[in-house]
Amino acid sequence: MPYKEKKVEKLYYSIGEVAELFNVNTSLIRYWEKEFDIIKPKKNKKGNRLFVQKDIDHFHIIFHLVKERGMTLKGAKKKLRENKEDTYNNFEVIKSLKEIRELLLEIREGL
C-alpha cells in the first residue's frame, strides 16, 4: 500500500479563513454564529473569533442545508433540532459520495 502524506489541519481558524472556505462574506459567518447555537467559537483577548474543526463541520452542514438544498434558516434550525443525527449521517454520506466522485474524475483525466 503506498504511503499517503496526512493532511495537516490547523487547530484554530480565523473568521476570514472560514469565510474563504465557503466562499461567503465574514458577515454571513457571524450571522450564522448568532442564529445557530451549535457554533461556539472561542474568542481571544482581542475578541477575535477562533473556530475549531468541529465548528467548521457544523458550518458545512448548515451550508449544505441552506445553500445547496435551499432550505430557509428556520427550516435548517428545525431539521437540526428534530433530526440532528440523521442530518449528520446524511451529510457524511453526501460528503463521501463527493469525494468518490472527485477521485473518479481524477482517474478519468488520467486515462
PDB file of N, CA and C in Angstrom:
ATOM      1  N   MET A   1       0.851  -1.175   0.000  1.00  0.00           N
ATOM      2  CA  MET A   1       0.000   0.000   0.000  1.00  0.00           C
ATOM      3  C   MET A   1       0.897   1.238   0.000  1.00  0.00           C
ATOM      4  N   PRO A   2       0.671   2.176  -0.916  1.00  0.00           N
ATOM      5  CA  PRO A   2       1.528   3.364  -0.988  1.00  0.00           C
ATOM      6  C   PRO A   2       1.301   4.291   0.207  1.00  0.00           C
ATOM      7  N   TYR A   3       2.348   4.986   0.542  1.00  0.00           N
ATOM      8  CA  TYR A   3       2.296   5.928   1.662  1.00  0.00           C
ATOM      9  C   TYR A   3       1.593   7.200   1.218  1.00  0.00           C
ATOM     10  N   LYS A   4       0.624   7.618   1.997  1.00  0.00           N
ATOM     11  CA  LYS A   4      -0.075   8.868   1.713  1.00  0.00           C
ATOM     12  C   LYS A   4       0.229   9.833   2.836  1.00  0.00           C
ATOM     13  N   GLU A   5       0.685  11.003   2.463  1.00  0.00           N
ATOM     14  CA  GLU A   5       1.003  12.008   3.467  1.00  0.00           C
ATOM     15  C   GLU A   5      -0.294  12.536   4.060  1.00  0.00           C
ATOM     16  N   LYS A   6      -0.333  12.608   5.371  1.00  0.00           N
ATOM     17  CA  LYS A   6      -1.522  13.065   6.066  1.00  0.00           C
ATOM     18  C   LYS A   6      -1.663  14.572   5.920  1.00  0.00           C
ATOM     19  N   LYS A   7      -2.863  15.009   5.662  1.00  0.00           N
ATOM     20  CA  LYS A   7      -3.131  16.432   5.511  1.00  0.00           C
ATOM     21  C   LYS A   7      -3.049  17.103   6.882  1.00  0.00           C
ATOM     22  N   VAL A   8      -2.245  18.133   6.978  1.00  0.00           N
ATOM     23  CA  VAL A   8      -2.081  18.841   8.244  1.00  0.00           C
ATOM     24  C   VAL A   8      -3.216  19.842   8.382  1.00  0.00           C
ATOM     25  N   GLU A   9      -3.932  19.720   9.485  1.00  0.00           N
ATOM     26  CA  GLU A   9      -5.036  20.633   9.717  1.00  0.00           C
ATOM     27  C   GLU A   9      -4.694  21.537  10.884  1.00  0.00           C
ATOM     28  N   LYS A  10      -5.184  22.747  10.800  1.00  0.00           N
ATOM     29  CA  LYS A  10      -4.926  23.723  11.841  1.00  0.00           C
ATOM     30  C   LYS A  10      -5.812  23.454  13.053  1.00  0.00           C
ATOM     31  N   LEU A  11      -5.372  23.962  14.187  1.00  0.00           N
ATOM     32  CA  LEU A  11      -6.158  23.830  15.390  1.00  0.00           C
ATOM     33  C   LEU A  11      -7.260  24.876  15.430  1.00  0.00           C
ATOM     34  N   TYR A  12      -6.918  26.109  15.053  1.00  0.00           N
ATOM     35  CA  TYR A  12      -7.879  27.207  15.057  1.00  0.00           C
ATOM     36  C   TYR A  12      -7.897  27.903  13.701  1.00  0.00           C
ATOM     37  N   TYR A  13      -9.085  28.304  13.276  1.00  0.00           N
ATOM     38  CA  TYR A  13      -9.261  29.025  12.025  1.00  0.00           C
ATOM     39  C   TYR A  13      -9.856  30.395  12.331  1.00  0.00           C
ATOM     40  N   SER A  14      -9.381  31.416  11.647  1.00  0.00           N
ATOM     41  CA  SER A  14      -9.939  32.755  11.813  1.00  0.00           C
ATOM     42  C   SER A  14     -11.250  32.840  11.031  1.00  0.00           C
ATOM     43  N   ILE A  15     -12.009  33.878  11.295  1.00  0.00           N
ATOM     44  CA  ILE A  15     -13.288  34.045  10.600  1.00  0.00           C
ATOM     45  C   ILE A  15     -13.068  34.254   9.103  1.00  0.00           C
ATOM     46  N   GLY A  16     -11.973  34.919   8.751  1.00  0.00           N
ATOM     47  CA  GLY A  16     -11.650  35.123   7.338  1.00  0.00           C
ATOM     48  C   GLY A  16     -11.360  33.815   6.629  1.00  0.00           C
ATOM     49  N   GLU A  17     -10.642  32.914   7.296  1.00  0.00           N
ATOM     50  CA  GLU A  17     -10.333  31.614   6.706  1.00  0.00           C
ATOM     51  C   GLU A  17     -11.601  30.780   6.530  1.00  0.00           C
ATOM     52  N   VAL A  18     -12.499  30.850   7.512  1.00  0.00           N
ATOM     53  CA  VAL A  18     -13.751  30.102   7.413  1.00  0.00           C
ATOM     54  C   VAL A  18     -14.599  30.649   6.261  1.00  0.00           C
ATOM     55  N   ALA A  19     -14.674  31.963   6.165  1.00  0.00           N
ATOM     56  CA  ALA A  19     -15.441  32.581   5.081  1.00  0.00           C
ATOM     57  C   ALA A  19     -14.857  32.200   3.728  1.00  0.00           C
ATOM     58  N   GLU A  20     -13.544  32.138   3.641  1.00  0.00           N
ATOM     59  CA  GLU A  20     -12.874  31.763   2.390  1.00  0.00           C
ATOM     60  C   GLU A  20     -13.157  30.309   2.026  1.00  0.00           C
ATOM     61  N   LEU A  21     -13.209  29.435   3.038  1.00  0.00           N
ATOM     62  CA  LEU A  21     -13.512  28.022   2.788  1.00  0.00           C
ATOM     63  C   LEU A  21     -14.862  27.849   2.096  1.00  0.00           C
ATOM     64  N   PHE A  22     -15.836  28.661   2.505  1.00  0.00           N
ATOM     65  CA  PHE A  22     -17.191  28.530   1.975  1.00  0.00           C
ATOM     66  C   PHE A  22     -17.516  29.559   0.902  1.00  0.00           C
ATOM     67  N   ASN A  23     -16.553  30.416   0.603  1.00  0.00           N
ATOM     68  CA  ASN A  23     -16.723  31.447  -0.412  1.00  0.00           C
ATOM     69  C   ASN A  23     -17.926  32.356  -0.092  1.00  0.00           C
ATOM     70  N   VAL A  24     -17.976  32.810   1.172  1.00  0.00           N
ATOM     71  CA  VAL A  24     -19.027  33.718   1.630  1.00  0.00           C
ATOM     72  C   VAL A  24     -18.376  34.883   2.367  1.00  0.00           C
ATOM     73  N   ASN A  25     -19.175  35.886   2.689  1.00  0.00           N
ATOM     74  CA  ASN A  25     -18.673  37.026   3.459  1.00  0.00           C
ATOM     75  C   ASN A  25     -18.550  36.667   4.938  1.00  0.00           C
ATOM     76  N   THR A  26     -17.666  37.381   5.626  1.00  0.00           N
ATOM     77  CA  THR A  26     -17.499  37.146   7.064  1.00  0.00           C
ATOM     78  C   THR A  26     -18.764  37.504   7.824  1.00  0.00           C
ATOM     79  N   SER A  27     -19.539  38.445   7.295  1.00  0.00           N
ATOM     80  CA  SER A  27     -20.787  38.832   7.973  1.00  0.00           C
ATOM     81  C   SER A  27     -21.771  37.659   8.019  1.00  0.00           C
ATOM     82  N   LEU A  28     -21.773  36.823   6.983  1.00  0.00           N
ATOM     83  CA  LEU A  28     -22.641  35.646   6.980  1.00  0.00           C
ATOM     84  C   LEU A  28     -22.195  34.647   8.053  1.00  0.00           C
ATOM     85  N   ILE A  29     -20.899  34.507   8.217  1.00  0.00           N
ATOM     86  CA  ILE A  29     -20.372  33.603   9.256  1.00  0.00           C
ATOM     87  C   ILE A  29     -20.814  34.103  10.632  1.00  0.00           C
ATOM     88  N   ARG A  30     -20.681  35.399  10.876  1.00  0.00           N
ATOM     89  CA  ARG A  30     -21.100  35.977  12.160  1.00  0.00           C
ATOM     90  C   ARG A  30     -22.605  35.796  12.363  1.00  0.00           C
ATOM     91  N   TYR A  31     -23.380  35.989  11.294  1.00  0.00           N
ATOM     92  CA  TYR A  31     -24.831  35.846  11.388  1.00  0.00           C
ATOM     93  C   TYR A  31     -25.214  34.412  11.728  1.00  0.00           C
ATOM     94  N   TRP A  32     -24.631  33.442  11.028  1.00  0.00           N
ATOM     95  CA  TRP A  32     -24.934  32.043  11.317  1.00  0.00           C
ATOM     96  C   TRP A  32     -24.502  31.667  12.725  1.00  0.00           C
ATOM     97  N   GLU A  33     -23.414  32.269  13.196  1.00  0.00           N
ATOM     98  CA  GLU A  33     -22.963  32.003  14.561  1.00  0.00           C
ATOM     99  C   GLU A  33     -24.043  32.432  15.564  1.00  0.00           C
ATOM    100  N   LYS A  34     -24.680  33.564  15.303  1.00  0.00           N
ATOM    101  CA  LYS A  34     -25.748  34.038  16.197  1.00  0.00           C
ATOM    102  C   LYS A  34     -27.005  33.179  16.070  1.00  0.00           C
ATOM    103  N   GLU A  35     -27.313  32.765  14.878  1.00  0.00           N
ATOM    104  CA  GLU A  35     -28.558  32.044  14.616  1.00  0.00           C
ATOM    105  C   GLU A  35     -28.525  30.582  15.075  1.00  0.00           C
ATOM    106  N   PHE A  36     -27.387  29.931  14.950  1.00  0.00           N
ATOM    107  CA  PHE A  36     -27.284  28.505  15.271  1.00  0.00           C
ATOM    108  C   PHE A  36     -26.453  28.323  16.538  1.00  0.00           C
ATOM    109  N   ASP A  37     -27.069  27.721  17.542  1.00  0.00           N
ATOM    110  CA  ASP A  37     -26.381  27.555  18.824  1.00  0.00           C
ATOM    111  C   ASP A  37     -25.333  26.441  18.822  1.00  0.00           C
ATOM    112  N   ILE A  38     -25.231  25.677  17.741  1.00  0.00           N
ATOM    113  CA  ILE A  38     -24.223  24.614  17.681  1.00  0.00           C
ATOM    114  C   ILE A  38     -22.836  25.178  17.359  1.00  0.00           C
ATOM    115  N   ILE A  39     -22.774  26.423  16.916  1.00  0.00           N
ATOM    116  CA  ILE A  39     -21.498  27.049  16.585  1.00  0.00           C
ATOM    117  C   ILE A  39     -21.073  27.927  17.749  1.00  0.00           C
ATOM    118  N   LYS A  40     -19.975  27.543  18.371  1.00  0.00           N
ATOM    119  CA  LYS A  40     -19.492  28.278  19.534  1.00  0.00           C
ATOM    120  C   LYS A  40     -17.984  28.521  19.403  1.00  0.00           C
ATOM    121  N   PRO A  41     -17.601  29.571  18.671  1.00  0.00           N
ATOM    122  CA  PRO A  41     -16.163  29.823  18.525  1.00  0.00           C
ATOM    123  C   PRO A  41     -15.560  30.358  19.813  1.00  0.00           C
ATOM    124  N   LYS A  42     -14.304  30.073  19.990  1.00  0.00           N
ATOM    125  CA  LYS A  42     -13.574  30.651  21.111  1.00  0.00           C
ATOM    126  C   LYS A  42     -13.172  32.064  20.699  1.00  0.00           C
ATOM    127  N   LYS A  43     -12.950  32.924  21.675  1.00  0.00           N
ATOM    128  CA  LYS A  43     -12.504  34.280  21.368  1.00  0.00           C
ATOM    129  C   LYS A  43     -11.223  34.548  22.141  1.00  0.00           C
ATOM    130  N   ASN A  44     -10.275  35.216  21.460  1.00  0.00           N
ATOM    131  CA  ASN A  44      -9.030  35.553  22.138  1.00  0.00           C
ATOM    132  C   ASN A  44      -9.199  36.855  22.916  1.00  0.00           C
ATOM    133  N   LYS A  45      -8.119  37.348  23.483  1.00  0.00           N
ATOM    134  CA  LYS A  45      -8.202  38.560  24.300  1.00  0.00           C
ATOM    135  C   LYS A  45      -8.680  39.768  23.508  1.00  0.00           C
ATOM    136  N   LYS A  46      -8.374  39.787  22.230  1.00  0.00           N
ATOM    137  CA  LYS A  46      -8.811  40.893  21.365  1.00  0.00           C
ATOM    138  C   LYS A  46     -10.289  40.768  20.979  1.00  0.00           C
ATOM    139  N   GLY A  47     -10.860  39.596  21.165  1.00  0.00           N
ATOM    140  CA  GLY A  47     -12.248  39.362  20.772  1.00  0.00           C
ATOM    141  C   GLY A  47     -12.381  38.719  19.412  1.00  0.00           C
ATOM    142  N   ASN A  48     -11.256  38.339  18.806  1.00  0.00           N
ATOM    143  CA  ASN A  48     -11.295  37.665  17.501  1.00  0.00           C
ATOM    144  C   ASN A  48     -11.831  36.246  17.672  1.00  0.00           C
ATOM    145  N   ARG A  49     -12.666  35.853  16.746  1.00  0.00           N
ATOM    146  CA  ARG A  49     -13.244  34.506  16.787  1.00  0.00           C
ATOM    147  C   ARG A  49     -12.217  33.488  16.308  1.00  0.00           C
ATOM    148  N   LEU A  50     -12.141  32.380  17.028  1.00  0.00           N
ATOM    149  CA  LEU A  50     -11.260  31.278  16.659  1.00  0.00           C
ATOM    150  C   LEU A  50     -12.110  30.018  16.560  1.00  0.00           C
ATOM    151  N   PHE A  51     -12.254  29.521  15.344  1.00  0.00           N
ATOM    152  CA  PHE A  51     -13.098  28.361  15.093  1.00  0.00           C
ATOM    153  C   PHE A  51     -12.258  27.092  15.090  1.00  0.00           C
ATOM    154  N   VAL A  52     -12.783  26.037  15.701  1.00  0.00           N
ATOM    155  CA  VAL A  52     -12.123  24.730  15.698  1.00  0.00           C
ATOM    156  C   VAL A  52     -12.753  23.876  14.598  1.00  0.00           C
ATOM    157  N   GLN A  53     -12.182  22.709  14.344  1.00  0.00           N
ATOM    158  CA  GLN A  53     -12.660  21.848  13.268  1.00  0.00           C
ATOM    159  C   GLN A  53     -14.127  21.462  13.450  1.00  0.00           C
ATOM    160  N   LYS A  54     -14.552  21.280  14.681  1.00  0.00           N
ATOM    161  CA  LYS A  54     -15.949  20.925  14.943  1.00  0.00           C
ATOM    162  C   LYS A  54     -16.886  22.037  14.453  1.00  0.00           C
ATOM    163  N   ASP A  55     -16.484  23.299  14.666  1.00  0.00           N
ATOM    164  CA  ASP A  55     -17.282  24.424  14.168  1.00  0.00           C
ATOM    165  C   ASP A  55     -17.334  24.416  12.638  1.00  0.00           C
ATOM    166  N   ILE A  56     -16.200  24.097  12.014  1.00  0.00           N
ATOM    167  CA  ILE A  56     -16.149  24.029  10.548  1.00  0.00           C
ATOM    168  C   ILE A  56     -17.103  22.948  10.049  1.00  0.00           C
ATOM    169  N   ASP A  57     -17.130  21.809  10.730  1.00  0.00           N
ATOM    170  CA  ASP A  57     -18.045  20.730  10.346  1.00  0.00           C
ATOM    171  C   ASP A  57     -19.502  21.176  10.463  1.00  0.00           C
ATOM    172  N   HIS A  58     -19.812  21.921  11.532  1.00  0.00           N
ATOM    173  CA  HIS A  58     -21.169  22.450  11.696  1.00  0.00           C
ATOM    174  C   HIS A  58     -21.503  23.430  10.566  1.00  0.00           C
ATOM    175  N   PHE A  59     -20.537  24.258  10.201  1.00  0.00           N
ATOM    176  CA  PHE A  59     -20.747  25.188   9.087  1.00  0.00           C
ATOM    177  C   PHE A  59     -21.010  24.427   7.793  1.00  0.00           C
ATOM    178  N   HIS A  60     -20.298  23.313   7.597  1.00  0.00           N
ATOM    179  CA  HIS A  60     -20.517  22.503   6.396  1.00  0.00           C
ATOM    180  C   HIS A  60     -21.970  22.029   6.339  1.00  0.00           C
ATOM    181  N   ILE A  61     -22.485  21.565   7.454  1.00  0.00           N
ATOM    182  CA  ILE A  61     -23.851  21.058   7.491  1.00  0.00           C
ATOM    183  C   ILE A  61     -24.847  22.193   7.241  1.00  0.00           C
ATOM    184  N   ILE A  62     -24.640  23.323   7.903  1.00  0.00           N
ATOM    185  CA  ILE A  62     -25.528  24.469   7.716  1.00  0.00           C
ATOM    186  C   ILE A  62     -25.462  24.955   6.272  1.00  0.00           C
ATOM    187  N   PHE A  63     -24.250  25.050   5.728  1.00  0.00           N
ATOM    188  CA  PHE A  63     -24.069  25.485   4.342  1.00  0.00           C
ATOM    189  C   PHE A  63     -24.798  24.540   3.394  1.00  0.00           C
ATOM    190  N   HIS A  64     -24.667  23.246   3.643  1.00  0.00           N
ATOM    191  CA  HIS A  64     -25.334  22.247   2.805  1.00  0.00           C
ATOM    192  C   HIS A  64     -26.853  22.424   2.848  1.00  0.00           C
ATOM    193  N   LEU A  65     -27.397  22.589   4.046  1.00  0.00           N
ATOM    194  CA  LEU A  65     -28.842  22.719   4.181  1.00  0.00           C
ATOM    195  C   LEU A  65     -29.363  24.007   3.547  1.00  0.00           C
ATOM    196  N   VAL A  66     -28.665  25.114   3.813  1.00  0.00           N
ATOM    197  CA  VAL A  66     -29.166  26.419   3.380  1.00  0.00           C
ATOM    198  C   VAL A  66     -28.824  26.726   1.927  1.00  0.00           C
ATOM    199  N   LYS A  67     -27.579  26.560   1.559  1.00  0.00           N
ATOM    200  CA  LYS A  67     -27.132  26.973   0.222  1.00  0.00           C
ATOM    201  C   LYS A  67     -27.334  25.899  -0.840  1.00  0.00           C
ATOM    202  N   GLU A  68     -27.045  24.648  -0.500  1.00  0.00           N
ATOM    203  CA  GLU A  68     -27.127  23.591  -1.503  1.00  0.00           C
ATOM    204  C   GLU A  68     -28.521  22.998  -1.622  1.00  0.00           C
ATOM    205  N   ARG A  69     -29.210  22.833  -0.505  1.00  0.00           N
ATOM    206  CA  ARG A  69     -30.556  22.258  -0.552  1.00  0.00           C
ATOM    207  C   ARG A  69     -31.643  23.314  -0.591  1.00  0.00           C
ATOM    208  N   GLY A  70     -31.278  24.582  -0.364  1.00  0.00           N
ATOM    209  CA  GLY A  70     -32.228  25.683  -0.491  1.00  0.00           C
ATOM    210  C   GLY A  70     -33.194  25.840   0.661  1.00  0.00           C
ATOM    211  N   MET A  71     -32.839  25.343   1.840  1.00  0.00           N
ATOM    212  CA  MET A  71     -33.719  25.485   2.991  1.00  0.00           C
ATOM    213  C   MET A  71     -33.604  26.904   3.564  1.00  0.00           C
ATOM    214  N   THR A  72     -34.654  27.315   4.255  1.00  0.00           N
ATOM    215  CA  THR A  72     -34.588  28.583   4.972  1.00  0.00           C
ATOM    216  C   THR A  72     -33.827  28.355   6.271  1.00  0.00           C
ATOM    217  N   LEU A  73     -33.408  29.439   6.907  1.00  0.00           N
ATOM    218  CA  LEU A  73     -32.713  29.295   8.190  1.00  0.00           C
ATOM    219  C   LEU A  73     -33.624  28.643   9.222  1.00  0.00           C
ATOM    220  N   LYS A  74     -34.891  29.021   9.199  1.00  0.00           N
ATOM    221  CA  LYS A  74     -35.854  28.435  10.132  1.00  0.00           C
ATOM    222  C   LYS A  74     -35.986  26.934   9.887  1.00  0.00           C
ATOM    223  N   GLY A  75     -36.049  26.540   8.611  1.00  0.00           N
ATOM    224  CA  GLY A  75     -36.150  25.128   8.264  1.00  0.00           C
ATOM    225  C   GLY A  75     -34.899  24.350   8.651  1.00  0.00           C
ATOM    226  N   ALA A  76     -33.726  24.965   8.451  1.00  0.00           N
ATOM    227  CA  ALA A  76     -32.464  24.312   8.811  1.00  0.00           C
ATOM    228  C   ALA A  76     -32.369  24.135  10.323  1.00  0.00           C
ATOM    229  N   LYS A  77     -32.785  25.155  11.074  1.00  0.00           N
ATOM    230  CA  LYS A  77     -32.778  25.047  12.543  1.00  0.00           C
ATOM    231  C   LYS A  77     -33.692  23.922  13.001  1.00  0.00           C
ATOM    232  N   LYS A  78     -34.882  23.866  12.396  1.00  0.00           N
ATOM    233  CA  LYS A  78     -35.848  22.835  12.764  1.00  0.00           C
ATOM    234  C   LYS A  78     -35.299  21.450  12.458  1.00  0.00           C
ATOM    235  N   LYS A  79     -34.701  21.285  11.283  1.00  0.00           N
ATOM    236  CA  LYS A  79     -34.139  19.993  10.895  1.00  0.00           C
ATOM    237  C   LYS A  79     -33.024  19.572  11.842  1.00  0.00           C
ATOM    238  N   LEU A  80     -32.155  20.519  12.205  1.00  0.00           N
ATOM    239  CA  LEU A  80     -31.063  20.197  13.121  1.00  0.00           C
ATOM    240  C   LEU A  80     -31.588  19.888  14.521  1.00  0.00           C
ATOM    241  N   ARG A  81     -32.657  20.549  14.909  1.00  0.00           N
ATOM    242  CA  ARG A  81     -33.223  20.336  16.246  1.00  0.00           C
ATOM    243  C   ARG A  81     -33.941  18.992  16.317  1.00  0.00           C
ATOM    244  N   GLU A  82     -34.708  18.646  15.275  1.00  0.00           N
ATOM    245  CA  GLU A  82     -35.522  17.432  15.309  1.00  0.00           C
ATOM    246  C   GLU A  82     -34.766  16.174  14.889  1.00  0.00           C
ATOM    247  N   ASN A  83     -33.951  16.285  13.851  1.00  0.00           N
ATOM    248  CA  ASN A  83     -33.271  15.117  13.272  1.00  0.00           C
ATOM    249  C   ASN A  83     -31.770  15.315  13.234  1.00  0.00           C
ATOM    250  N   LYS A  84     -31.170  15.701  14.306  1.00  0.00           N
ATOM    251  CA  LYS A  84     -29.746  16.035  14.298  1.00  0.00           C
ATOM    252  C   LYS A  84     -28.893  14.863  13.805  1.00  0.00           C
ATOM    253  N   GLU A  85     -29.130  13.690  14.351  1.00  0.00           N
ATOM    254  CA  GLU A  85     -28.304  12.528  13.998  1.00  0.00           C
ATOM    255  C   GLU A  85     -28.483  12.133  12.530  1.00  0.00           C
ATOM    256  N   ASP A  86     -29.733  12.109  12.058  1.00  0.00           N
ATOM    257  CA  ASP A  86     -29.986  11.781  10.655  1.00  0.00           C
ATOM    258  C   ASP A  86     -29.366  12.808   9.722  1.00  0.00           C
ATOM    259  N   THR A  87     -29.457  14.084  10.100  1.00  0.00           N
ATOM    260  CA  THR A  87     -28.881  15.136   9.279  1.00  0.00           C
ATOM    261  C   THR A  87     -27.381  14.956   9.165  1.00  0.00           C
ATOM    262  N   TYR A  88     -26.712  14.659  10.283  1.00  0.00           N
ATOM    263  CA  TYR A  88     -25.267  14.436  10.264  1.00  0.00           C
ATOM    264  C   TYR A  88     -24.915  13.216   9.424  1.00  0.00           C
ATOM    265  N   ASN A  89     -25.677  12.146   9.579  1.00  0.00           N
ATOM    266  CA  ASN A  89     -25.407  10.927   8.807  1.00  0.00           C
ATOM    267  C   ASN A  89     -25.594  11.162   7.314  1.00  0.00           C
ATOM    268  N   ASN A  90     -26.668  11.851   6.935  1.00  0.00           N
ATOM    269  CA  ASN A  90     -26.902  12.155   5.526  1.00  0.00           C
ATOM    270  C   ASN A  90     -25.783  13.022   4.964  1.00  0.00           C
ATOM    271  N   PHE A  91     -25.343  13.982   5.756  1.00  0.00           N
ATOM    272  CA  PHE A  91     -24.263  14.851   5.295  1.00  0.00           C
ATOM    273  C   PHE A  91     -22.979  14.058   5.087  1.00  0.00           C
ATOM    274  N   GLU A  92     -22.682  13.128   5.986  1.00  0.00           N
ATOM    275  CA  GLU A  92     -21.476  12.306   5.849  1.00  0.00           C
ATOM    276  C   GLU A  92     -21.542  11.452   4.588  1.00  0.00           C
ATOM    277  N   VAL A  93     -22.716  10.924   4.275  1.00  0.00           N
ATOM    278  CA  VAL A  93     -22.883  10.115   3.061  1.00  0.00           C
ATOM    279  C   VAL A  93     -22.643  10.988   1.832  1.00  0.00           C
ATOM    280  N   ILE A  94     -23.230  12.179   1.823  1.00  0.00           N
ATOM    281  CA  ILE A  94     -23.059  13.090   0.689  1.00  0.00           C
ATOM    282  C   ILE A  94     -21.597  13.488   0.541  1.00  0.00           C
ATOM    283  N   LYS A  95     -20.937  13.752   1.662  1.00  0.00           N
ATOM    284  CA  LYS A  95     -19.523  14.124   1.647  1.00  0.00           C
ATOM    285  C   LYS A  95     -18.675  12.990   1.061  1.00  0.00           C
ATOM    286  N   SER A  96     -18.963  11.761   1.467  1.00  0.00           N
ATOM    287  CA  SER A  96     -18.228  10.603   0.952  1.00  0.00           C
ATOM    288  C   SER A  96     -18.457  10.433  -0.544  1.00  0.00           C
ATOM    289  N   LEU A  97     -19.689  10.615  -0.968  1.00  0.00           N
ATOM    290  CA  LEU A  97     -20.001  10.475  -2.398  1.00  0.00           C
ATOM    291  C   LEU A  97     -19.291  11.543  -3.231  1.00  0.00           C
ATOM    292  N   LYS A  98     -19.196  12.762  -2.707  1.00  0.00           N
ATOM    293  CA  LYS A  98     -18.482  13.820  -3.426  1.00  0.00           C
ATOM    294  C   LYS A  98     -17.000  13.489  -3.548  1.00  0.00           C
ATOM    295  N   GLU A  99     -16.415  12.926  -2.478  1.00  0.00           N
ATOM    296  CA  GLU A  99     -15.006  12.535  -2.520  1.00  0.00           C
ATOM    297  C   GLU A  99     -14.781  11.428  -3.549  1.00  0.00           C
ATOM    298  N   ILE A 100     -15.693  10.467  -3.593  1.00  0.00           N
ATOM    299  CA  ILE A 100     -15.584   9.379  -4.561  1.00  0.00           C
ATOM    300  C   ILE A 100     -15.693   9.928  -5.976  1.00  0.00           C
ATOM    301  N   ARG A 101     -16.613  10.868  -6.180  1.00  0.00           N
ATOM    302  CA  ARG A 101     -16.778  11.475  -7.500  1.00  0.00           C
ATOM    303  C   ARG A 101     -15.504  12.184  -7.934  1.00  0.00           C
ATOM    304  N   GLU A 102     -14.892  12.935  -7.015  1.00  0.00           N
ATOM    305  CA  GLU A 102     -13.638  13.630  -7.338  1.00  0.00           C
ATOM    306  C   GLU A 102     -12.550  12.634  -7.715  1.00  0.00           C
ATOM    307  N   LEU A 103     -12.470  11.543  -6.980  1.00  0.00           N
ATOM    308  CA  LEU A 103     -11.479  10.507  -7.265  1.00  0.00           C
ATOM    309  C   LEU A 103     -11.712   9.897  -8.643  1.00  0.00           C
ATOM    310  N   LEU A 104     -12.961   9.606  -8.953  1.00  0.00           N
ATOM    311  CA  LEU A 104     -13.281   9.028 -10.255  1.00  0.00           C
ATOM    312  C   LEU A 104     -12.960  10.004 -11.391  1.00  0.00           C
ATOM    313  N   LEU A 105     -13.230  11.287 -11.176  1.00  0.00           N
ATOM    314  CA  LEU A 105     -12.900  12.285 -12.191  1.00  0.00           C
ATOM    315  C   LEU A 105     -11.386  12.378 -12.407  1.00  0.00           C
ATOM    316  N   GLU A 106     -10.623  12.279 -11.319  1.00  0.00           N
ATOM    317  CA  GLU A 106      -9.157  12.285 -11.435  1.00  0.00           C
ATOM    318  C   GLU A 106      -8.682  11.065 -12.229  1.00  0.00           C
ATOM    319  N   ILE A 107      -9.280   9.912 -11.962  1.00  0.00           N
ATOM    320  CA  ILE A 107      -8.901   8.696 -12.678  1.00  0.00           C
ATOM    321  C   ILE A 107      -9.233   8.827 -14.154  1.00  0.00           C
ATOM    322  N   ARG A 108     -10.400   9.391 -14.453  1.00  0.00           N
ATOM    323  CA  ARG A 108     -10.805   9.565 -15.849  1.00  0.00           C
ATOM    324  C   ARG A 108      -9.857  10.507 -16.592  1.00  0.00           C
ATOM    325  N   GLU A 109      -9.436  11.575 -15.923  1.00  0.00           N
ATOM    326  CA  GLU A 109      -8.500  12.510 -16.550  1.00  0.00           C
ATOM    327  C   GLU A 109      -7.135  11.860 -16.789  1.00  0.00           C
ATOM    328  N   GLY A 110      -6.781  10.899 -15.944  1.00  0.00           N
ATOM    329  CA  GLY A 110      -5.501  10.227 -16.086  1.00  0.00           C
ATOM    330  C   GLY A 110      -5.475   9.190 -17.179  1.00  0.00           C
ATOM    331  N   LEU A 111      -6.619   8.826 -17.701  1.00  0.00           N
ATOM    332  CA  LEU A 111      -6.669   7.793 -18.761  1.00  0.00           C
ATOM    333  C   LEU A 111      -6.276   8.337 -20.095  1.00  0.00           C
TER     334      LEU A 111
END
